[in-house]
C-alpha atoms as a PDB file:
ATOM      1  CA  MET A   1      81.442 114.235 162.837  1.00  0.00           C
ATOM      2  CA  VAL A   2      79.766 113.313 166.078  1.00  0.00           C
ATOM      3  CA  VAL A   3      79.860 115.814 168.863  1.00  0.00           C
ATOM      4  CA  VAL A   4      78.653 114.921 172.338  1.00  0.00           C
ATOM      5  CA  VAL A   5      78.283 117.859 174.672  1.00  0.00           C
ATOM      6  CA  ALA A   6      78.565 116.994 178.330  1.00  0.00           C
ATOM      7  CA  VAL A   7      77.323 119.895 180.446  1.00  0.00           C
ATOM      8  CA  THR A   8      77.298 119.809 184.172  1.00  0.00           C
ATOM      9  CA  LEU A   9      74.909 121.695 186.386  1.00  0.00           C
ATOM     10  CA  GLU A  10      77.711 123.920 187.564  1.00  0.00           C
ATOM     11  CA  THR A  11      78.180 125.315 184.041  1.00  0.00           C
ATOM     12  CA  LEU A  12      74.439 125.803 183.529  1.00  0.00           C
ATOM     13  CA  VAL A  13      73.475 127.364 186.856  1.00  0.00           C
ATOM     14  CA  PRO A  14      75.544 130.040 188.569  1.00  0.00           C
ATOM     15  CA  PRO A  15      76.860 128.827 191.915  1.00  0.00           C
ATOM     16  CA  LEU A  16      74.623 129.751 194.836  1.00  0.00           C
ATOM     17  CA  PRO A  17      75.965 131.715 197.758  1.00  0.00           C
ATOM     18  CA  ARG A  18      77.800 129.387 200.042  1.00  0.00           C
ATOM     19  CA  ARG A  19      75.758 129.882 203.173  1.00  0.00           C
ATOM     20  CA  PRO A  20      74.155 127.270 205.344  1.00  0.00           C
ATOM     21  CA  LEU A  21      70.500 126.641 204.744  1.00  0.00           C
ATOM     22  CA  ASN A  22      68.136 126.189 207.546  1.00  0.00           C
ATOM     23  CA  PHE A  23      66.485 122.911 206.691  1.00  0.00           C
ATOM     24  CA  SER A  24      64.534 122.986 209.832  1.00  0.00           C
ATOM     25  CA  SER A  25      62.644 126.086 208.835  1.00  0.00           C
ATOM     26  CA  SER A  26      59.842 126.180 206.293  1.00  0.00           C
ATOM     27  CA  ALA A  27      61.522 129.079 204.482  1.00  0.00           C
ATOM     28  CA  GLY A  28      64.677 127.021 203.928  1.00  0.00           C
ATOM     29  CA  ASN A  29      62.708 124.090 202.598  1.00  0.00           C
ATOM     30  CA  ALA A  30      60.815 126.343 200.221  1.00  0.00           C
ATOM     31  CA  THR A  31      64.057 127.893 198.970  1.00  0.00           C
ATOM     32  CA  LEU A  32      65.647 124.477 198.313  1.00  0.00           C
ATOM     33  CA  ALA A  33      62.574 123.199 196.501  1.00  0.00           C
ATOM     34  CA  THR A  34      62.401 126.337 194.379  1.00  0.00           C
ATOM     35  CA  VAL A  35      66.064 126.123 193.384  1.00  0.00           C
ATOM     36  CA  SER A  36      65.776 122.386 192.522  1.00  0.00           C
ATOM     37  CA  LEU A  37      62.693 123.029 190.437  1.00  0.00           C
ATOM     38  CA  LEU A  38      64.375 125.862 188.553  1.00  0.00           C
ATOM     39  CA  VAL A  39      67.445 123.729 187.886  1.00  0.00           C
ATOM     40  CA  LEU A  40      65.379 120.818 186.561  1.00  0.00           C
ATOM     41  CA  LEU A  41      63.295 123.167 184.413  1.00  0.00           C
ATOM     42  CA  LEU A  42      66.412 124.798 182.964  1.00  0.00           C
ATOM     43  CA  VAL A  43      68.020 121.457 182.155  1.00  0.00           C
ATOM     44  CA  TRP A  44      64.800 120.229 180.548  1.00  0.00           C
ATOM     45  CA  LEU A  45      64.576 123.339 178.380  1.00  0.00           C
ATOM     46  CA  LEU A  46      68.204 122.981 177.319  1.00  0.00           C
ATOM     47  CA  VAL A  47      67.646 119.339 176.398  1.00  0.00           C
ATOM     48  CA  LEU A  48      64.678 120.340 174.254  1.00  0.00           C
ATOM     49  CA  ALA A  49      66.814 123.023 172.602  1.00  0.00           C
ATOM     50  CA  GLY A  50      69.538 120.485 171.793  1.00  0.00           C
ATOM     51  CA  VAL A  51      72.229 122.176 173.890  1.00  0.00           C
ATOM     52  CA  VAL A  52      72.462 119.411 176.438  1.00  0.00           C
ATOM     53  CA  GLU A  53      72.331 115.836 175.233  1.00  0.00           C
ATOM     54  CA  ASN A  54      71.298 112.807 177.166  1.00  0.00           C
ATOM     55  CA  VAL A  55      74.579 111.812 178.736  1.00  0.00           C
ATOM     56  CA  GLU A  56      73.143 108.464 179.775  1.00  0.00           C
ATOM     57  CA  VAL A  57      72.392 107.382 176.192  1.00  0.00           C
ATOM     58  CA  GLY A  58      74.370 109.754 173.970  1.00  0.00           C
ATOM     59  CA  ASP A  59      73.527 111.408 170.686  1.00  0.00           C
ATOM     60  CA  PHE A  60      74.657 109.260 167.747  1.00  0.00           C
ATOM     61  CA  GLY A  61      72.929 111.272 165.049  1.00  0.00           C
ATOM     62  CA  GLY A  62      76.285 112.269 163.596  1.00  0.00           C
ATOM     63  CA  TRP A  63      77.241 108.630 163.200  1.00  0.00           C
ATOM     64  CA  GLU A  64      74.072 107.999 161.218  1.00  0.00           C
ATOM     65  CA  VAL A  65      75.143 110.727 158.795  1.00  0.00           C
ATOM     66  CA  VAL A  66      78.604 109.204 158.454  1.00  0.00           C
ATOM     67  CA  SER A  67      77.129 105.718 158.022  1.00  0.00           C
ATOM     68  CA  GLN A  68      74.798 106.985 155.299  1.00  0.00           C
ATOM     69  CA  ARG A  69      77.739 108.591 153.527  1.00  0.00           C
ATOM     70  CA  THR A  70      79.708 105.325 153.607  1.00  0.00           C
ATOM     71  CA  LYS A  71      76.720 103.497 152.095  1.00  0.00           C
ATOM     72  CA  GLU A  72      76.459 106.071 149.300  1.00  0.00           C
ATOM     73  CA  ALA A  73      80.222 105.901 148.761  1.00  0.00           C
ATOM     74  CA  ALA A  74      79.975 102.105 148.518  1.00  0.00           C
ATOM     75  CA  LYS A  75      77.314 102.462 145.816  1.00  0.00           C
ATOM     76  CA  VAL A  76      79.511 104.903 143.859  1.00  0.00           C
ATOM     77  CA  THR A  77      82.518 102.625 144.183  1.00  0.00           C
ATOM     78  CA  SER A  78      80.458  99.600 143.151  1.00  0.00           C
ATOM     79  CA  THR A  79      79.298 101.531 140.074  1.00  0.00           C
ATOM     80  CA  CYS A  80      82.928 102.362 139.265  1.00  0.00           C
ATOM     81  CA  VAL A  81      83.879  98.686 139.601  1.00  0.00           C
ATOM     82  CA  ASP A  82      81.047  97.612 137.287  1.00  0.00           C
ATOM     83  CA  PHE A  83      82.016 100.292 134.770  1.00  0.00           C
ATOM     84  CA  MET A  84      85.658  99.232 134.747  1.00  0.00           C
ATOM     85  CA  LYS A  85      84.716  95.548 134.459  1.00  0.00           C
ATOM     86  CA  GLN A  86      82.496  96.318 131.459  1.00  0.00           C
ATOM     87  CA  VAL A  87      85.333  98.307 129.862  1.00  0.00           C
ATOM     88  CA  ALA A  88      87.729  95.421 130.521  1.00  0.00           C
ATOM     89  CA  ALA A  89      85.269  92.922 129.064  1.00  0.00           C
ATOM     90  CA  ALA A  90      84.823  95.054 125.942  1.00  0.00           C
ATOM     91  CA  LEU A  91      88.592  95.410 125.521  1.00  0.00           C
ATOM     92  CA  ASP A  92      89.061  91.682 126.035  1.00  0.00           C
ATOM     93  CA  VAL A  93      86.420  90.786 123.423  1.00  0.00           C
ATOM     94  CA  PHE A  94      87.859  93.390 121.060  1.00  0.00           C
ATOM     95  CA  GLY A  95      91.418  92.092 121.486  1.00  0.00           C
ATOM     96  CA  LYS A  96      90.510  88.412 121.172  1.00  0.00           C
ATOM     97  CA  THR A  97      88.411  89.153 118.098  1.00  0.00           C
ATOM     98  CA  LEU A  98      91.322  90.968 116.444  1.00  0.00           C
ATOM     99  CA  VAL A  99      93.701  88.121 117.289  1.00  0.00           C
ATOM    100  CA  ARG A 100      91.262  85.547 115.919  1.00  0.00           C
ATOM    101  CA  VAL A 101      90.701  87.566 112.732  1.00  0.00           C
ATOM    102  CA  ALA A 102      94.455  87.998 112.223  1.00  0.00           C
ATOM    103  CA  LYS A 103      95.248  84.330 112.784  1.00  0.00           C
ATOM    104  CA  SER A 104      92.481  83.114 110.469  1.00  0.00           C
ATOM    105  CA  SER A 105      93.196  85.638 107.712  1.00  0.00           C
ATOM    106  CA  THR A 106      94.685  84.489 104.404  1.00  0.00           C
ATOM    107  CA  LEU A 107      95.188  88.068 103.314  1.00  0.00           C
ATOM    108  CA  PRO A 108      98.759  87.928 101.855  1.00  0.00           C
ATOM    109  CA  ASP A 109      98.669  84.413 100.393  1.00  0.00           C
ATOM    110  CA  LEU A 110      97.829  85.523  96.831  1.00  0.00           C
ATOM    111  CA  GLU A 111     100.280  88.422  96.591  1.00  0.00           C
ATOM    112  CA  HIS A 112     104.007  88.703  95.960  1.00  0.00           C
ATOM    113  CA  GLY A 113     106.862  91.053  96.600  1.00  0.00           C
ATOM    114  CA  GLU A 114     106.560  94.136  98.770  1.00  0.00           C
ATOM    115  CA  LEU A 115     102.764  94.136  98.609  1.00  0.00           C
ATOM    116  CA  ARG A 116     102.776  90.709 100.250  1.00  0.00           C
ATOM    117  CA  ASN A 117     105.154  92.015 102.910  1.00  0.00           C
ATOM    118  CA  SER A 118     102.855  94.994 103.495  1.00  0.00           C
ATOM    119  CA  LEU A 119      99.839  92.743 103.912  1.00  0.00           C
ATOM    120  CA  VAL A 120     101.790  90.539 106.311  1.00  0.00           C
ATOM    121  CA  THR A 121     102.708  93.667 108.267  1.00  0.00           C
ATOM    122  CA  ALA A 122      99.054  94.711 108.345  1.00  0.00           C
ATOM    123  CA  ARG A 123      97.961  91.284 109.575  1.00  0.00           C
ATOM    124  CA  ASP A 124     100.713  91.147 112.212  1.00  0.00           C
ATOM    125  CA  GLY A 125      99.813  94.682 113.322  1.00  0.00           C
ATOM    126  CA  VAL A 126      96.183  93.689 113.808  1.00  0.00           C
ATOM    127  CA  GLU A 127      97.255  90.646 115.816  1.00  0.00           C
ATOM    128  CA  ALA A 128      99.602  92.745 117.960  1.00  0.00           C
ATOM    129  CA  LEU A 129      96.844  95.329 118.438  1.00  0.00           C
ATOM    130  CA  GLY A 130      94.502  92.584 119.607  1.00  0.00           C
ATOM    131  CA  GLN A 131      97.088  91.312 122.058  1.00  0.00           C
ATOM    132  CA  ASP A 132      97.649  94.850 123.358  1.00  0.00           C
ATOM    133  CA  ALA A 133      93.909  95.297 123.828  1.00  0.00           C
ATOM    134  CA  THR A 134      93.776  91.996 125.736  1.00  0.00           C
ATOM    135  CA  ASP A 135      96.654  93.130 127.962  1.00  0.00           C
ATOM    136  CA  ALA A 136      94.876  96.451 128.517  1.00  0.00           C
ATOM    137  CA  ALA A 137      91.738  94.547 129.521  1.00  0.00           C
ATOM    138  CA  ALA A 138      93.774  92.581 132.059  1.00  0.00           C
ATOM    139  CA  ALA A 139      95.214  95.810 133.490  1.00  0.00           C
ATOM    140  CA  VAL A 140      91.759  97.417 133.791  1.00  0.00           C
ATOM    141  CA  THR A 141      90.429  94.222 135.403  1.00  0.00           C
ATOM    142  CA  SER A 142      93.253  94.366 137.936  1.00  0.00           C
ATOM    143  CA  GLN A 143      92.280  97.917 138.875  1.00  0.00           C
ATOM    144  CA  ALA A 144      88.623  96.908 139.145  1.00  0.00           C
ATOM    145  CA  ASN A 145      89.545  93.988 141.408  1.00  0.00           C
ATOM    146  CA  GLN A 146      91.584  96.325 143.582  1.00  0.00           C
ATOM    147  CA  LEU A 147      88.593  98.634 143.987  1.00  0.00           C
ATOM    148  CA  SER A 148      86.316  95.665 144.618  1.00  0.00           C
ATOM    149  CA  ASN A 149      88.608  94.343 147.359  1.00  0.00           C
ATOM    150  CA  HIS A 150      88.683  97.751 148.967  1.00  0.00           C
ATOM    151  CA  LEU A 151      84.897  97.938 148.743  1.00  0.00           C
ATOM    152  CA  THR A 152      84.593  94.592 150.526  1.00  0.00           C
ATOM    153  CA  ASP A 153      87.020  95.665 153.244  1.00  0.00           C
ATOM    154  CA  ALA A 154      85.222  98.992 153.646  1.00  0.00           C
ATOM    155  CA  ARG A 155      81.852  97.239 153.909  1.00  0.00           C
ATOM    156  CA  LEU A 156      83.172  94.906 156.609  1.00  0.00           C
ATOM    157  CA  SER A 157      84.754  97.835 158.417  1.00  0.00           C
ATOM    158  CA  ARG A 158      81.490  99.795 158.312  1.00  0.00           C
ATOM    159  CA  ARG A 159      79.517  96.788 159.540  1.00  0.00           C
ATOM    160  CA  ARG A 160      81.897  96.272 162.431  1.00  0.00           C
ATOM    161  CA  ALA A 161      81.794  99.954 163.280  1.00  0.00           C
ATOM    162  CA  THR A 162      77.985  99.972 163.189  1.00  0.00           C
ATOM    163  CA  GLU A 163      77.738  96.957 165.460  1.00  0.00           C
ATOM    164  CA  ASP A 164      80.249  98.523 167.776  1.00  0.00           C
ATOM    165  CA  ILE A 165      78.241 101.749 167.933  1.00  0.00           C
ATOM    166  CA  LYS A 166      75.050  99.873 168.798  1.00  0.00           C
ATOM    167  CA  LYS A 167      76.803  98.127 171.654  1.00  0.00           C
ATOM    168  CA  ARG A 168      78.157 101.381 173.035  1.00  0.00           C
ATOM    169  CA  GLN A 169      75.024 103.490 172.949  1.00  0.00           C
ATOM    170  CA  GLN A 170      74.370 102.792 176.624  1.00  0.00           C
ATOM    171  CA  GLN A 171      77.830 103.865 177.696  1.00  0.00           C
ATOM    172  CA  VAL A 172      78.502 107.481 176.872  1.00  0.00           C
ATOM    173  CA  LYS A 173      82.205 107.742 177.558  1.00  0.00           C
ATOM    174  CA  GLU A 174      83.037 104.463 175.901  1.00  0.00           C
ATOM    175  CA  GLY A 175      80.576 105.232 173.137  1.00  0.00           C
ATOM    176  CA  VAL A 176      82.141 108.634 172.474  1.00  0.00           C
ATOM    177  CA  ARG A 177      85.575 107.055 172.230  1.00  0.00           C
ATOM    178  CA  ARG A 178      84.308 104.426 169.843  1.00  0.00           C
ATOM    179  CA  VAL A 179      82.455 106.996 167.764  1.00  0.00           C
ATOM    180  CA  GLN A 180      85.573 109.084 167.432  1.00  0.00           C
ATOM    181  CA  HIS A 181      87.480 105.980 166.360  1.00  0.00           C
ATOM    182  CA  ALA A 182      84.751 105.128 163.873  1.00  0.00           C
ATOM    183  CA  ARG A 183      84.839 108.697 162.570  1.00  0.00           C
ATOM    184  CA  ARG A 184      88.555 108.466 161.968  1.00  0.00           C
ATOM    185  CA  ASN A 185      88.098 105.026 160.441  1.00  0.00           C
ATOM    186  CA  ALA A 186      85.352 106.300 158.145  1.00  0.00           C
ATOM    187  CA  GLN A 187      87.484 109.281 157.167  1.00  0.00           C
ATOM    188  CA  ASP A 188      90.419 106.996 156.386  1.00  0.00           C
ATOM    189  CA  VAL A 189      88.164 104.723 154.353  1.00  0.00           C
ATOM    190  CA  GLU A 190      86.745 107.669 152.430  1.00  0.00           C
ATOM    191  CA  GLU A 191      90.178 109.147 151.775  1.00  0.00           C
ATOM    192  CA  THR A 192      91.467 105.758 150.646  1.00  0.00           C
ATOM    193  CA  ARG A 193      88.439 105.262 148.406  1.00  0.00           C
ATOM    194  CA  VAL A 194      88.801 108.674 146.776  1.00  0.00           C
ATOM    195  CA  ARG A 195      92.525 108.104 146.332  1.00  0.00           C
ATOM    196  CA  LEU A 196      91.999 104.651 144.842  1.00  0.00           C
ATOM    197  CA  VAL A 197      89.258 105.867 142.487  1.00  0.00           C
ATOM    198  CA  ARG A 198      91.503 108.706 141.356  1.00  0.00           C
ATOM    199  CA  ASP A 199      94.581 106.485 140.950  1.00  0.00           C
ATOM    200  CA  SER A 200      92.610 103.694 139.265  1.00  0.00           C
ATOM    201  CA  PHE A 201      91.091 105.976 136.654  1.00  0.00           C
ATOM    202  CA  TRP A 202      94.493 107.600 136.195  1.00  0.00           C
ATOM    203  CA  ALA A 203      95.894 104.123 135.524  1.00  0.00           C
ATOM    204  CA  VAL A 204      93.030 103.416 133.116  1.00  0.00           C
ATOM    205  CA  ALA A 205      93.801 106.679 131.290  1.00  0.00           C
ATOM    206  CA  ASN A 206      97.472 105.658 131.069  1.00  0.00           C
ATOM    207  CA  VAL A 207      96.502 102.223 129.752  1.00  0.00           C
ATOM    208  CA  CYS A 208      94.285 103.786 127.078  1.00  0.00           C
ATOM    209  CA  SER A 209      97.029 106.269 126.167  1.00  0.00           C
ATOM    210  CA  LEU A 210      99.543 103.434 125.854  1.00  0.00           C
ATOM    211  CA  LEU A 211      97.067 101.515 123.723  1.00  0.00           C
ATOM    212  CA  ALA A 212      96.678 104.573 121.486  1.00  0.00           C
ATOM    213  CA  VAL A 213     100.466 104.847 121.181  1.00  0.00           C
ATOM    214  CA  HIS A 214     100.694 101.193 120.174  1.00  0.00           C
ATOM    215  CA  ILE A 215      97.913 101.669 117.640  1.00  0.00           C
ATOM    216  CA  ASP A 216      99.769 104.626 116.130  1.00  0.00           C
ATOM    217  CA  GLN A 217     103.015 102.633 116.047  1.00  0.00           C
ATOM    218  CA  HIS A 218     101.357  99.712 114.261  1.00  0.00           C
ATOM    219  CA  GLN A 219      99.727 102.009 111.714  1.00  0.00           C
ATOM    220  CA  ASP A 220     103.011 103.866 111.184  1.00  0.00           C
ATOM    221  CA  ALA A 221     104.725 100.524 110.497  1.00  0.00           C
ATOM    222  CA  LEU A 222     101.969  99.730 108.001  1.00  0.00           C
ATOM    223  CA  ARG A 223     102.408 103.095 106.283  1.00  0.00           C
ATOM    224  CA  THR A 224     106.183 102.546 106.119  1.00  0.00           C
ATOM    225  CA  ALA A 225     105.651  99.136 104.526  1.00  0.00           C
ATOM    226  CA  LEU A 226     103.145 100.518 102.028  1.00  0.00           C
ATOM    227  CA  LEU A 227     105.610 103.184 100.908  1.00  0.00           C
ATOM    228  CA  GLN A 228     107.842 100.358  99.642  1.00  0.00           C
ATOM    229  CA  VAL A 229     105.170  99.105  97.210  1.00  0.00           C
ATOM    230  CA  ASP A 230     105.797  99.911  93.509  1.00  0.00           C
ATOM    231  CA  VAL A 231     102.893  99.143  91.200  1.00  0.00           C
ATOM    232  CA  GLY A 232     105.057  98.392  88.165  1.00  0.00           C
ATOM    233  CA  GLU A 233     107.327  96.062  90.106  1.00  0.00           C
ATOM    234  CA  GLU A 234     104.329  94.231  91.589  1.00  0.00           C
ATOM    235  CA  VAL A 235     102.863  93.632  88.113  1.00  0.00           C
ATOM    236  CA  ALA A 236     106.267  92.576  86.734  1.00  0.00           C
ATOM    237  CA  ALA A 237     106.696  90.200  89.667  1.00  0.00           C
ATOM    238  CA  TRP A 238     103.295  88.677  88.974  1.00  0.00           C
ATOM    239  CA  VAL A 239     104.081  88.283  85.261  1.00  0.00           C
ATOM    240  CA  SER A 240     107.456  86.727  86.053  1.00  0.00           C
ATOM    241  CA  GLN A 241     105.802  84.325  88.472  1.00  0.00           C
ATOM    242  CA  HIS A 242     102.891  83.283  86.245  1.00  0.00           C
ATOM    243  CA  ARG A 243     104.331  83.319  82.674  1.00  0.00           C
ATOM    244  CA  THR A 244     103.473  80.140  80.727  1.00  0.00           C
ATOM    245  CA  CYS A 245     106.556  79.796  78.441  1.00  0.00           C
ATOM    246  CA  GLN A 246     109.601  78.933  80.488  1.00  0.00           C
ATOM    247  CA  THR A 247     112.062  78.827  77.510  1.00  0.00           C
ATOM    248  CA  GLN A 248     112.327  81.552  74.921  1.00  0.00           C
ATOM    249  CA  PRO A 249     111.752  80.654  71.211  1.00  0.00           C
ATOM    250  CA  ILE A 250     114.687  80.572  68.745  1.00  0.00           C
ATOM    251  CA  PRO A 251     115.247  84.118  67.582  1.00  0.00           C
ATOM    252  CA  LEU A 252     114.629  84.864  63.916  1.00  0.00           C
ATOM    253  CA  VAL A 253     117.784  85.839  61.983  1.00  0.00           C
ATOM    254  CA  TYR A 254     117.585  87.779  58.751  1.00  0.00           C
ATOM    255  CA  SER A 255     119.940  86.533  55.965  1.00  0.00           C
ATOM    256  CA  PRO A 256     119.949  88.769  52.836  1.00  0.00           C
ATOM    257  CA  VAL A 257     119.514  86.991  49.447  1.00  0.00           C
ATOM    258  CA  PRO A 258     122.079  88.086  46.713  1.00  0.00           C
ATOM    259  CA  ARG A 259     120.379  90.057  44.002  1.00  0.00           C
ATOM    260  CA  PRO A 260     121.364  89.995  40.216  1.00  0.00           C
ATOM    261  CA  PRO A 261     123.313  92.955  38.782  1.00  0.00           C
ATOM    262  CA  ALA A 262     121.292  95.841  37.631  1.00  0.00           C
ATOM    263  CA  GLY A 263     120.121  95.694  33.975  1.00  0.00           C
ATOM    264  CA  MET A 264     120.019  91.924  33.722  1.00  0.00           C
ATOM    265  CA  THR A 265     116.819  90.077  33.038  1.00  0.00           C
ATOM    266  CA  PRO A 266     115.949  86.928  34.961  1.00  0.00           C
ATOM    267  CA  THR A 267     116.556  84.848  31.715  1.00  0.00           C
ATOM    268  CA  SER A 268     119.974  86.279  30.979  1.00  0.00           C
ATOM    269  CA  SER A 269     120.803  85.992  34.662  1.00  0.00           C
ATOM    270  CA  ALA A 270     119.858  82.329  34.655  1.00  0.00           C
ATOM    271  CA  ARG A 271     121.770  81.735  31.363  1.00  0.00           C
ATOM    272  CA  SER A 272     124.900  83.431  32.704  1.00  0.00           C
ATOM    273  CA  THR A 273     124.589  81.285  35.837  1.00  0.00           C
ATOM    274  CA  LEU A 274     124.360  78.111  33.700  1.00  0.00           C
ATOM    275  CA  ASN A 275     127.284  79.206  31.443  1.00  0.00           C
ATOM    276  CA  SER A 276     129.373  79.866  34.483  1.00  0.00           C
ATOM    277  CA  ALA A 277     128.562  76.425  35.879  1.00  0.00           C
ATOM    278  CA  HIS A 278     129.339  74.776  32.459  1.00  0.00           C
ATOM    279  CA  SER A 279     132.697  76.566  32.269  1.00  0.00           C
ATOM    280  CA  THR A 280     133.507  75.413  35.748  1.00  0.00           C
ATOM    281  CA  LEU A 281     132.682  71.805  34.888  1.00  0.00           C
ATOM    282  CA  ASN A 282     134.735  71.945  31.686  1.00  0.00           C
ATOM    283  CA  SER A 283     137.700  73.349  33.508  1.00  0.00           C
ATOM    284  CA  SER A 284     137.455  70.616  36.097  1.00  0.00           C
ATOM    285  CA  ALA A 285     137.237  67.896  33.428  1.00  0.00           C
ATOM    286  CA  ARG A 286     140.115  69.370  31.477  1.00  0.00           C
ATOM    287  CA  SER A 287     142.322  69.514  34.537  1.00  0.00           C
ATOM    288  CA  THR A 288     141.422  65.929  35.339  1.00  0.00           C
ATOM    289  CA  ILE A 289     142.340  64.712  31.878  1.00  0.00           C
ATOM    290  CA  THR A 290     145.581  66.618  31.947  1.00  0.00           C
ATOM    291  CA  GLY A 291     146.417  65.200  35.270  1.00  0.00           C
END
């Protein structure tokens, strides 16, 4: 804050008795010279002490302090912009890398059933995560650009204010008015900068929180898909898909062979079989002849 103190002689020196001075006499001249000398000496001492400032030029030391603060604030804001741009660049590279990895992956091509679906879910989740990271990078870049635009406007405003102050240093009243305007302008710029830095980093925190929520959602979807995987069914699905024999062989059927009665030898069994066949043939021949 710039303060210009304008002090008149009436406030510094008590008013003299209002009586006519005899300028024609040597005593009157001596009194007037003494009073003038004392007044000039008092004003000079007060100027040295910093109580009275040069009203012809003005004291702009306060403006130098404000100008220095705006320069330091510009450096801080520029550092914030660089930081946010680096974060955005890292998020953008991270997101594009995930998208490229997901699109070029052949992860589920050799699997079947629910395991294949789970791997597809994992690949799609990685691709979605990459896209979310890219969107987050764009949001952070937008905030950085907003700060950068404000920094440019603030720099132009400070330059104009500085040039204006230099022009007004020779005119105290006009200079004081301009300095007060510049002070308010600098205060507005500083308040806007602090507000924008606060709001921008708040927005960055929200973006990161949203990204974390999306990451958790994608991983939860992956966990849900993995819970559907049954090891036995996956193996059975693979066997069913890759079996070599498409048609089943003819099933073997067991037909029992009649056994001879107990107590008969193979010879007697064979003889009885032949006798039975001979009797059958004789009966057939006899019935033919009779017929």
